[in-house]
Amino acid sequence: MKIKKLRNNFEFSLLDNNIVTVKEMGNITEIRYMLRCNGGLICKLNKDSYYDIRTGEVKNFKTSTTRIENIESVSRSLRNLRDIINTNITDN
């Protein structure tokens, strides 16, 4: 993923089929866009298993015994915490 920081008076163009999300957090505005969305690659069946759309297989989720083993979950929590801090601190 390429991240580009834009300063004041920025300008960019989007196509009609681009998917855009805007997140305002205090003095920070995050704009994310994708050229296209392929949809989900899995379909959750229950808490233990899922259906892989690409292969047609039913597989079990990998479970971890401790939270630190799930790096994606920790990363998401830190990103949410950063967003909360950015929303509540607006003093430069």
C-alpha atoms as a PDB file:
ATOM      1  CA  MET A   1       0.000   0.000   0.000  1.00  0.00           C
ATOM      2  CA  LYS A   2       1.325   3.421  -0.944  1.00  0.00           C
ATOM      3  CA  ILE A   3       0.656   6.279   1.464  1.00  0.00           C
ATOM      4  CA  LYS A   4       0.916   9.851   0.247  1.00  0.00           C
ATOM      5  CA  LYS A   5       0.605  12.821   2.576  1.00  0.00           C
ATOM      6  CA  LEU A   6      -1.067  15.822   0.989  1.00  0.00           C
ATOM      7  CA  ARG A   7      -0.709  19.366   2.281  1.00  0.00           C
ATOM      8  CA  ASN A   8      -3.208  22.240   2.105  1.00  0.00           C
ATOM      9  CA  ASN A   9      -4.836  23.078  -1.236  1.00  0.00           C
ATOM     10  CA  PHE A  10      -4.565  19.560  -2.586  1.00  0.00           C
ATOM     11  CA  GLU A  11      -6.532  18.298  -5.553  1.00  0.00           C
ATOM     12  CA  PHE A  12      -7.142  14.811  -6.932  1.00  0.00           C
ATOM     13  CA  SER A  13      -9.633  13.209  -9.277  1.00  0.00           C
ATOM     14  CA  LEU A  14     -11.666  10.040  -8.949  1.00  0.00           C
ATOM     15  CA  LEU A  15     -13.613   7.948 -11.394  1.00  0.00           C
ATOM     16  CA  ASP A  16     -17.313   7.181 -10.890  1.00  0.00           C
ATOM     17  CA  ASN A  17     -16.638   3.552  -9.951  1.00  0.00           C
ATOM     18  CA  ASN A  18     -13.933   4.254  -7.316  1.00  0.00           C
ATOM     19  CA  ILE A  19     -14.779   3.271  -3.750  1.00  0.00           C
ATOM     20  CA  VAL A  20     -13.954   6.088  -1.312  1.00  0.00           C
ATOM     21  CA  THR A  21     -13.959   6.254   2.482  1.00  0.00           C
ATOM     22  CA  VAL A  22     -13.408   9.487   4.399  1.00  0.00           C
ATOM     23  CA  LYS A  23     -12.481   9.479   8.080  1.00  0.00           C
ATOM     24  CA  GLU A  24     -12.335  12.791   9.960  1.00  0.00           C
ATOM     25  CA  MET A  25     -10.326  12.712  13.187  1.00  0.00           C
ATOM     26  CA  GLY A  26      -9.910  16.131  14.793  1.00  0.00           C
ATOM     27  CA  ASN A  27      -7.446  18.056  12.584  1.00  0.00           C
ATOM     28  CA  ILE A  28      -6.733  14.993  10.423  1.00  0.00           C
ATOM     29  CA  THR A  29      -8.827  13.829   7.476  1.00  0.00           C
ATOM     30  CA  GLU A  30      -8.027  10.413   6.022  1.00  0.00           C
ATOM     31  CA  ILE A  31      -9.243   9.700   2.492  1.00  0.00           C
ATOM     32  CA  ARG A  32      -8.856   6.176   1.157  1.00  0.00           C
ATOM     33  CA  TYR A  33      -9.882   5.031  -2.272  1.00  0.00           C
ATOM     34  CA  MET A  34      -9.717   1.832  -4.295  1.00  0.00           C
ATOM     35  CA  LEU A  35      -9.850   1.421  -8.034  1.00  0.00           C
ATOM     36  CA  ARG A  36     -12.132  -1.573  -7.699  1.00  0.00           C
ATOM     37  CA  CYS A  37     -13.506  -3.944  -5.077  1.00  0.00           C
ATOM     38  CA  ASN A  38     -13.303  -7.669  -5.761  1.00  0.00           C
ATOM     39  CA  GLY A  39     -15.662  -8.502  -2.957  1.00  0.00           C
ATOM     40  CA  GLY A  40     -14.899 -10.996  -0.231  1.00  0.00           C
ATOM     41  CA  LEU A  41     -12.860 -14.084  -0.882  1.00  0.00           C
ATOM     42  CA  ILE A  42     -14.433 -16.053   1.964  1.00  0.00           C
ATOM     43  CA  CYS A  43     -17.931 -16.508   3.327  1.00  0.00           C
ATOM     44  CA  LYS A  44     -18.169 -17.115   7.065  1.00  0.00           C
ATOM     45  CA  LEU A  45     -20.367 -20.118   7.858  1.00  0.00           C
ATOM     46  CA  ASN A  46     -20.101 -20.143  11.653  1.00  0.00           C
ATOM     47  CA  LYS A  47     -17.559 -19.183  14.310  1.00  0.00           C
ATOM     48  CA  ASP A  48     -15.273 -22.110  13.441  1.00  0.00           C
ATOM     49  CA  SER A  49     -15.481 -22.531   9.655  1.00  0.00           C
ATOM     50  CA  TYR A  50     -15.678 -20.590   6.398  1.00  0.00           C
ATOM     51  CA  TYR A  51     -16.257 -21.207   2.702  1.00  0.00           C
ATOM     52  CA  ASP A  52     -13.410 -20.261   0.313  1.00  0.00           C
ATOM     53  CA  ILE A  53     -15.108 -18.788  -2.783  1.00  0.00           C
ATOM     54  CA  ARG A  54     -12.009 -19.198  -4.982  1.00  0.00           C
ATOM     55  CA  THR A  55     -11.622 -22.944  -4.422  1.00  0.00           C
ATOM     56  CA  GLY A  56     -15.062 -24.019  -3.159  1.00  0.00           C
ATOM     57  CA  GLU A  57     -13.558 -25.584  -0.029  1.00  0.00           C
ATOM     58  CA  VAL A  58     -14.912 -25.407   3.502  1.00  0.00           C
ATOM     59  CA  LYS A  59     -12.046 -24.688   5.900  1.00  0.00           C
ATOM     60  CA  ASN A  60     -11.601 -24.071   9.611  1.00  0.00           C
ATOM     61  CA  PHE A  61     -10.409 -20.746  10.989  1.00  0.00           C
ATOM     62  CA  LYS A  62      -6.964 -20.795  12.577  1.00  0.00           C
ATOM     63  CA  THR A  63      -7.372 -19.962  16.241  1.00  0.00           C
ATOM     64  CA  SER A  64      -4.685 -18.582  18.490  1.00  0.00           C
ATOM     65  CA  THR A  65      -4.398 -19.223  22.191  1.00  0.00           C
ATOM     66  CA  THR A  66      -3.152 -15.731  23.046  1.00  0.00           C
ATOM     67  CA  ARG A  67      -3.991 -12.407  21.541  1.00  0.00           C
ATOM     68  CA  ILE A  68      -0.393 -11.508  20.702  1.00  0.00           C
ATOM     69  CA  GLU A  69      -0.306 -14.431  18.245  1.00  0.00           C
ATOM     70  CA  ASN A  70      -2.921 -12.663  16.102  1.00  0.00           C
ATOM     71  CA  ILE A  71      -0.876  -9.780  14.667  1.00  0.00           C
ATOM     72  CA  GLU A  72      -3.758  -8.537  12.494  1.00  0.00           C
ATOM     73  CA  SER A  73      -5.986  -8.087  15.550  1.00  0.00           C
ATOM     74  CA  VAL A  74      -3.275  -6.217  17.455  1.00  0.00           C
ATOM     75  CA  SER A  75      -2.611  -3.997  14.422  1.00  0.00           C
ATOM     76  CA  ARG A  76      -6.340  -3.190  14.096  1.00  0.00           C
ATOM     77  CA  SER A  77      -6.543  -2.326  17.815  1.00  0.00           C
ATOM     78  CA  LEU A  78      -3.546   0.004  17.577  1.00  0.00           C
ATOM     79  CA  ARG A  79      -5.022   1.698  14.483  1.00  0.00           C
ATOM     80  CA  ASN A  80      -8.338   2.216  16.318  1.00  0.00           C
ATOM     81  CA  LEU A  81      -6.497   3.636  19.343  1.00  0.00           C
ATOM     82  CA  ARG A  82      -4.528   6.005  17.078  1.00  0.00           C
ATOM     83  CA  ASP A  83      -7.808   7.170  15.497  1.00  0.00           C
ATOM     84  CA  ILE A  84      -9.362   7.820  18.923  1.00  0.00           C
ATOM     85  CA  ILE A  85      -6.313   9.822  20.034  1.00  0.00           C
ATOM     86  CA  ASN A  86      -6.289  11.846  16.782  1.00  0.00           C
ATOM     87  CA  THR A  87     -10.013  12.592  17.191  1.00  0.00           C
ATOM     88  CA  ASN A  88      -9.701  13.882  20.729  1.00  0.00           C
ATOM     89  CA  ILE A  89      -6.435  15.847  20.455  1.00  0.00           C
ATOM     90  CA  THR A  90      -6.809  18.856  18.183  1.00  0.00           C
ATOM     91  CA  ASP A  91      -4.149  21.153  19.686  1.00  0.00           C
ATOM     92  CA  ASN A  92      -1.166  21.613  17.366  1.00  0.00           C
END
